[in-house]
Amino acid sequence: MVKKLKKKAAQKQSSSSSIGDATQQIWLAGLGAFSRAQEEGAKAFETLVAEGRKLEGKTREAASAGVSALRSNVKGQVGEVKGKAEGAWDKLEGVFESRVGKAMSSLGVPTRDEIQGLSKQVDALRKEIEALNKAQSKPAPKPKAVKKTASKATSTKSAASKKTTAKKKTTRKTTKKTSS
């Protein structure tokens, strides 16, 4: 057991020292880069900018290829989801229309087809009425001579009826006198 503890302690020291060594190496690399940048100055900066541009171009190409692949994949999925949603919406709409239709039918509300049929009948009746009104509104040609004859005949008839009623009255009076 003591041996195990010694091994663990040695491992801890070695891992601590390896972490410390790695940290030290990173620090030294940074100092070296700083020193080199000071020495080389503008040349190093220009070289780094050129390499950065090359890397940026490659990165953009890779990114645009990835984006276009992703875009086409998303479009496919969106189209699929949209199709499913439209199907579900159409089904829901059908159920809703069916239930509303049943409710309206139970309340005695006429359907669209019934109303359209009645509208057609009303239009047909309106046309018939207009045709009849036009036929009645046309004056019948009446000759003037016929009117005078008709009015003379009417006056002759009325005069004859007055004479007849006068005769009846006189005959009644005479019959009353004879019977008494």
C-alpha atoms as a PDB file:
ATOM      1  CA  MET A   1       0.000   0.000   0.000  1.00  0.00           C
ATOM      2  CA  VAL A   2       2.857   2.340   0.762  1.00  0.00           C
ATOM      3  CA  LYS A   3       4.286   1.552  -2.648  1.00  0.00           C
ATOM      4  CA  LYS A   4       0.994   2.507  -4.280  1.00  0.00           C
ATOM      5  CA  LEU A   5       0.932   5.818  -2.447  1.00  0.00           C
ATOM      6  CA  LYS A   6       4.520   6.561  -3.507  1.00  0.00           C
ATOM      7  CA  LYS A   7       3.640   5.781  -7.129  1.00  0.00           C
ATOM      8  CA  LYS A   8       0.614   8.076  -6.996  1.00  0.00           C
ATOM      9  CA  ALA A   9       2.666  10.862  -5.479  1.00  0.00           C
ATOM     10  CA  ALA A  10       5.304  10.405  -8.187  1.00  0.00           C
ATOM     11  CA  GLN A  11       2.613  10.486 -10.868  1.00  0.00           C
ATOM     12  CA  LYS A  12       1.146  13.689  -9.405  1.00  0.00           C
ATOM     13  CA  GLN A  13       4.584  15.306  -9.408  1.00  0.00           C
ATOM     14  CA  SER A  14       5.261  14.205 -12.949  1.00  0.00           C
ATOM     15  CA  SER A  15       1.838  15.450 -14.205  1.00  0.00           C
ATOM     16  CA  SER A  16       2.339  18.724 -12.337  1.00  0.00           C
ATOM     17  CA  SER A  17       5.767  19.080 -13.777  1.00  0.00           C
ATOM     18  CA  SER A  18       4.512  18.171 -17.295  1.00  0.00           C
ATOM     19  CA  ILE A  19       1.794  20.823 -17.071  1.00  0.00           C
ATOM     20  CA  GLY A  20       4.324  23.320 -15.831  1.00  0.00           C
ATOM     21  CA  ASP A  21       6.731  22.321 -18.605  1.00  0.00           C
ATOM     22  CA  ALA A  22       4.030  22.712 -21.258  1.00  0.00           C
ATOM     23  CA  THR A  23       3.104  26.110 -19.890  1.00  0.00           C
ATOM     24  CA  GLN A  24       6.714  27.140 -19.899  1.00  0.00           C
ATOM     25  CA  GLN A  25       7.164  25.993 -23.503  1.00  0.00           C
ATOM     26  CA  ILE A  26       4.085  27.960 -24.618  1.00  0.00           C
ATOM     27  CA  TRP A  27       5.440  31.067 -22.919  1.00  0.00           C
ATOM     28  CA  LEU A  28       8.785  30.656 -24.571  1.00  0.00           C
ATOM     29  CA  ALA A  29       7.174  30.130 -28.001  1.00  0.00           C
ATOM     30  CA  GLY A  30       5.245  33.350 -27.545  1.00  0.00           C
ATOM     31  CA  LEU A  31       8.380  35.229 -26.614  1.00  0.00           C
ATOM     32  CA  GLY A  32      10.174  33.753 -29.618  1.00  0.00           C
ATOM     33  CA  ALA A  33       7.367  34.831 -31.951  1.00  0.00           C
ATOM     34  CA  PHE A  34       7.411  38.310 -30.461  1.00  0.00           C
ATOM     35  CA  SER A  35      11.166  38.558 -30.886  1.00  0.00           C
ATOM     36  CA  ARG A  36      11.012  37.318 -34.473  1.00  0.00           C
ATOM     37  CA  ALA A  37       8.175  39.745 -35.297  1.00  0.00           C
ATOM     38  CA  GLN A  38      10.313  42.589 -34.034  1.00  0.00           C
ATOM     39  CA  GLU A  39      13.272  41.472 -36.092  1.00  0.00           C
ATOM     40  CA  GLU A  40      11.502  40.772 -39.327  1.00  0.00           C
ATOM     41  CA  GLY A  41       8.973  43.586 -38.854  1.00  0.00           C
ATOM     42  CA  ALA A  42       6.929  44.539 -41.904  1.00  0.00           C
ATOM     43  CA  LYS A  43       8.084  41.567 -44.026  1.00  0.00           C
ATOM     44  CA  ALA A  44       6.630  39.075 -41.594  1.00  0.00           C
ATOM     45  CA  PHE A  45       3.441  41.055 -41.311  1.00  0.00           C
ATOM     46  CA  GLU A  46       2.958  41.106 -45.097  1.00  0.00           C
ATOM     47  CA  THR A  47       3.725  37.387 -45.314  1.00  0.00           C
ATOM     48  CA  LEU A  48       1.140  36.657 -42.604  1.00  0.00           C
ATOM     49  CA  VAL A  49      -1.482  38.810 -44.380  1.00  0.00           C
ATOM     50  CA  ALA A  50      -0.875  36.942 -47.665  1.00  0.00           C
ATOM     51  CA  GLU A  51      -1.201  33.567 -45.945  1.00  0.00           C
ATOM     52  CA  GLY A  52      -4.346  34.806 -44.199  1.00  0.00           C
ATOM     53  CA  ARG A  53      -5.899  35.774 -47.521  1.00  0.00           C
ATOM     54  CA  LYS A  54      -5.143  32.342 -49.000  1.00  0.00           C
ATOM     55  CA  LEU A  55      -6.617  30.665 -45.968  1.00  0.00           C
ATOM     56  CA  GLU A  56      -9.670  32.929 -46.070  1.00  0.00           C
ATOM     57  CA  GLY A  57     -10.316  32.050 -49.741  1.00  0.00           C
ATOM     58  CA  LYS A  58     -10.120  28.340 -49.014  1.00  0.00           C
ATOM     59  CA  THR A  59     -12.347  28.773 -45.973  1.00  0.00           C
ATOM     60  CA  ARG A  60     -14.960  30.702 -47.954  1.00  0.00           C
ATOM     61  CA  GLU A  61     -15.050  28.038 -50.662  1.00  0.00           C
ATOM     62  CA  ALA A  62     -15.503  25.307 -48.081  1.00  0.00           C
ATOM     63  CA  ALA A  63     -18.104  27.339 -46.214  1.00  0.00           C
ATOM     64  CA  SER A  64     -20.093  28.169 -49.357  1.00  0.00           C
ATOM     65  CA  ALA A  65     -20.066  24.504 -50.396  1.00  0.00           C
ATOM     66  CA  GLY A  66     -21.253  23.529 -46.928  1.00  0.00           C
ATOM     67  CA  VAL A  67     -23.882  26.266 -46.897  1.00  0.00           C
ATOM     68  CA  SER A  68     -25.253  25.303 -50.316  1.00  0.00           C
ATOM     69  CA  ALA A  69     -25.471  21.652 -49.249  1.00  0.00           C
ATOM     70  CA  LEU A  70     -27.146  22.691 -46.015  1.00  0.00           C
ATOM     71  CA  ARG A  71     -29.506  25.033 -47.878  1.00  0.00           C
ATOM     72  CA  SER A  72     -30.622  22.300 -50.296  1.00  0.00           C
ATOM     73  CA  ASN A  73     -31.105  19.891 -47.402  1.00  0.00           C
ATOM     74  CA  VAL A  74     -33.173  22.453 -45.481  1.00  0.00           C
ATOM     75  CA  LYS A  75     -35.258  23.245 -48.575  1.00  0.00           C
ATOM     76  CA  GLY A  76     -36.031  19.567 -48.986  1.00  0.00           C
ATOM     77  CA  GLN A  77     -37.062  19.243 -45.367  1.00  0.00           C
ATOM     78  CA  VAL A  78     -39.100  22.425 -45.479  1.00  0.00           C
ATOM     79  CA  GLY A  79     -40.906  21.190 -48.585  1.00  0.00           C
ATOM     80  CA  GLU A  80     -41.656  17.896 -46.892  1.00  0.00           C
ATOM     81  CA  VAL A  81     -42.916  19.554 -43.714  1.00  0.00           C
ATOM     82  CA  LYS A  82     -44.933  22.043 -45.762  1.00  0.00           C
ATOM     83  CA  GLY A  83     -46.589  19.197 -47.668  1.00  0.00           C
ATOM     84  CA  LYS A  84     -47.490  17.431 -44.447  1.00  0.00           C
ATOM     85  CA  ALA A  85     -48.801  20.657 -42.919  1.00  0.00           C
ATOM     86  CA  GLU A  86     -50.940  21.405 -45.980  1.00  0.00           C
ATOM     87  CA  GLY A  87     -52.353  17.892 -45.899  1.00  0.00           C
ATOM     88  CA  ALA A  88     -53.169  18.204 -42.211  1.00  0.00           C
ATOM     89  CA  TRP A  89     -54.655  21.664 -42.751  1.00  0.00           C
ATOM     90  CA  ASP A  90     -56.840  20.428 -45.612  1.00  0.00           C
ATOM     91  CA  LYS A  91     -58.041  17.533 -43.472  1.00  0.00           C
ATOM     92  CA  LEU A  92     -58.811  19.867 -40.565  1.00  0.00           C
ATOM     93  CA  GLU A  93     -60.621  22.247 -42.891  1.00  0.00           C
ATOM     94  CA  GLY A  94     -62.726  19.397 -44.251  1.00  0.00           C
ATOM     95  CA  VAL A  95     -63.684  18.232 -40.763  1.00  0.00           C
ATOM     96  CA  PHE A  96     -64.537  21.785 -39.753  1.00  0.00           C
ATOM     97  CA  GLU A  97     -66.686  22.386 -42.845  1.00  0.00           C
ATOM     98  CA  SER A  98     -68.468  19.089 -42.291  1.00  0.00           C
ATOM     99  CA  ARG A  99     -69.299  19.892 -38.683  1.00  0.00           C
ATOM    100  CA  VAL A 100     -70.397  23.439 -39.450  1.00  0.00           C
ATOM    101  CA  GLY A 101     -72.553  22.128 -42.296  1.00  0.00           C
ATOM    102  CA  LYS A 102     -74.225  19.620 -39.992  1.00  0.00           C
ATOM    103  CA  ALA A 103     -74.850  22.305 -37.360  1.00  0.00           C
ATOM    104  CA  MET A 104     -76.308  24.711 -39.909  1.00  0.00           C
ATOM    105  CA  SER A 105     -78.443  21.952 -41.395  1.00  0.00           C
ATOM    106  CA  SER A 106     -79.852  21.100 -37.981  1.00  0.00           C
ATOM    107  CA  LEU A 107     -80.727  24.784 -37.512  1.00  0.00           C
ATOM    108  CA  GLY A 108     -82.521  24.845 -40.867  1.00  0.00           C
ATOM    109  CA  VAL A 109     -80.053  27.161 -42.622  1.00  0.00           C
ATOM    110  CA  PRO A 110     -80.084  26.544 -46.376  1.00  0.00           C
ATOM    111  CA  THR A 111     -76.916  25.373 -48.114  1.00  0.00           C
ATOM    112  CA  ARG A 112     -75.008  27.341 -50.722  1.00  0.00           C
ATOM    113  CA  ASP A 113     -76.391  25.145 -53.494  1.00  0.00           C
ATOM    114  CA  GLU A 114     -79.965  25.690 -52.311  1.00  0.00           C
ATOM    115  CA  ILE A 115     -79.456  29.462 -52.199  1.00  0.00           C
ATOM    116  CA  GLN A 116     -77.927  29.460 -55.680  1.00  0.00           C
ATOM    117  CA  GLY A 117     -80.878  27.443 -56.988  1.00  0.00           C
ATOM    118  CA  LEU A 118     -83.320  29.907 -55.446  1.00  0.00           C
ATOM    119  CA  SER A 119     -81.365  32.828 -56.907  1.00  0.00           C
ATOM    120  CA  LYS A 120     -81.660  31.292 -60.368  1.00  0.00           C
ATOM    121  CA  GLN A 121     -85.406  30.823 -59.892  1.00  0.00           C
ATOM    122  CA  VAL A 122     -85.799  34.439 -58.731  1.00  0.00           C
ATOM    123  CA  ASP A 123     -83.871  35.662 -61.779  1.00  0.00           C
ATOM    124  CA  ALA A 124     -86.089  33.608 -64.101  1.00  0.00           C
ATOM    125  CA  LEU A 125     -89.249  34.940 -62.431  1.00  0.00           C
ATOM    126  CA  ARG A 126     -87.969  38.513 -62.637  1.00  0.00           C
ATOM    127  CA  LYS A 127     -87.383  38.109 -66.374  1.00  0.00           C
ATOM    128  CA  GLU A 128     -90.892  36.705 -66.851  1.00  0.00           C
ATOM    129  CA  ILE A 129     -92.407  39.607 -64.896  1.00  0.00           C
ATOM    130  CA  GLU A 130     -90.465  42.134 -66.952  1.00  0.00           C
ATOM    131  CA  ALA A 131     -91.656  40.484 -70.155  1.00  0.00           C
ATOM    132  CA  LEU A 132     -95.288  40.560 -68.946  1.00  0.00           C
ATOM    133  CA  ASN A 133     -94.978  44.215 -67.883  1.00  0.00           C
ATOM    134  CA  LYS A 134     -93.587  45.141 -71.288  1.00  0.00           C
ATOM    135  CA  ALA A 135     -96.457  43.306 -73.007  1.00  0.00           C
ATOM    136  CA  GLN A 136     -99.072  45.083 -70.850  1.00  0.00           C
ATOM    137  CA  SER A 137     -97.503  48.510 -71.126  1.00  0.00           C
ATOM    138  CA  LYS A 138     -97.742  48.498 -74.946  1.00  0.00           C
ATOM    139  CA  PRO A 139    -100.967  50.383 -75.827  1.00  0.00           C
ATOM    140  CA  ALA A 140    -103.371  48.504 -78.056  1.00  0.00           C
ATOM    141  CA  PRO A 141    -104.154  50.496 -81.226  1.00  0.00           C
ATOM    142  CA  LYS A 142    -107.772  51.707 -80.980  1.00  0.00           C
ATOM    143  CA  PRO A 143    -109.408  53.398 -83.964  1.00  0.00           C
ATOM    144  CA  LYS A 144    -111.110  56.737 -83.220  1.00  0.00           C
ATOM    145  CA  ALA A 145    -114.317  55.874 -85.074  1.00  0.00           C
ATOM    146  CA  VAL A 146    -114.849  52.873 -82.854  1.00  0.00           C
ATOM    147  CA  LYS A 147    -114.624  55.021 -79.751  1.00  0.00           C
ATOM    148  CA  LYS A 148    -117.340  57.413 -80.952  1.00  0.00           C
ATOM    149  CA  THR A 149    -119.584  54.574 -81.903  1.00  0.00           C
ATOM    150  CA  ALA A 150    -119.015  52.910 -78.575  1.00  0.00           C
ATOM    151  CA  SER A 151    -119.809  56.084 -76.670  1.00  0.00           C
ATOM    152  CA  LYS A 152    -122.970  56.681 -78.768  1.00  0.00           C
ATOM    153  CA  ALA A 153    -124.022  53.129 -78.132  1.00  0.00           C
ATOM    154  CA  THR A 154    -123.432  53.592 -74.436  1.00  0.00           C
ATOM    155  CA  SER A 155    -125.470  56.768 -74.316  1.00  0.00           C
ATOM    156  CA  THR A 156    -128.230  55.103 -76.353  1.00  0.00           C
ATOM    157  CA  LYS A 157    -128.256  52.162 -73.958  1.00  0.00           C
ATOM    158  CA  SER A 158    -128.424  54.406 -70.912  1.00  0.00           C
ATOM    159  CA  ALA A 159    -131.303  56.421 -72.431  1.00  0.00           C
ATOM    160  CA  ALA A 160    -133.174  53.215 -73.264  1.00  0.00           C
ATOM    161  CA  SER A 161    -132.727  51.892 -69.746  1.00  0.00           C
ATOM    162  CA  LYS A 162    -134.100  55.155 -68.304  1.00  0.00           C
ATOM    163  CA  LYS A 163    -137.208  54.882 -70.466  1.00  0.00           C
ATOM    164  CA  THR A 164    -137.725  51.268 -69.404  1.00  0.00           C
ATOM    165  CA  THR A 165    -137.500  52.124 -65.711  1.00  0.00           C
ATOM    166  CA  ALA A 166    -139.920  54.997 -66.213  1.00  0.00           C
ATOM    167  CA  LYS A 167    -142.430  52.684 -67.902  1.00  0.00           C
ATOM    168  CA  LYS A 168    -142.168  50.173 -65.098  1.00  0.00           C
ATOM    169  CA  LYS A 169    -142.944  52.824 -62.507  1.00  0.00           C
ATOM    170  CA  THR A 170    -146.047  54.017 -64.333  1.00  0.00           C
ATOM    171  CA  THR A 171    -147.359  50.500 -64.793  1.00  0.00           C
ATOM    172  CA  ARG A 172    -146.992  49.768 -61.117  1.00  0.00           C
ATOM    173  CA  LYS A 173    -148.953  52.830 -60.173  1.00  0.00           C
ATOM    174  CA  THR A 174    -151.822  51.910 -62.418  1.00  0.00           C
ATOM    175  CA  THR A 175    -151.985  48.344 -61.173  1.00  0.00           C
ATOM    176  CA  LYS A 176    -152.156  49.513 -57.619  1.00  0.00           C
ATOM    177  CA  LYS A 177    -155.102  51.735 -58.321  1.00  0.00           C
ATOM    178  CA  THR A 178    -157.109  49.023 -60.017  1.00  0.00           C
ATOM    179  CA  SER A 179    -156.601  46.484 -57.327  1.00  0.00           C
ATOM    180  CA  SER A 180    -157.810  48.738 -54.522  1.00  0.00           C
END
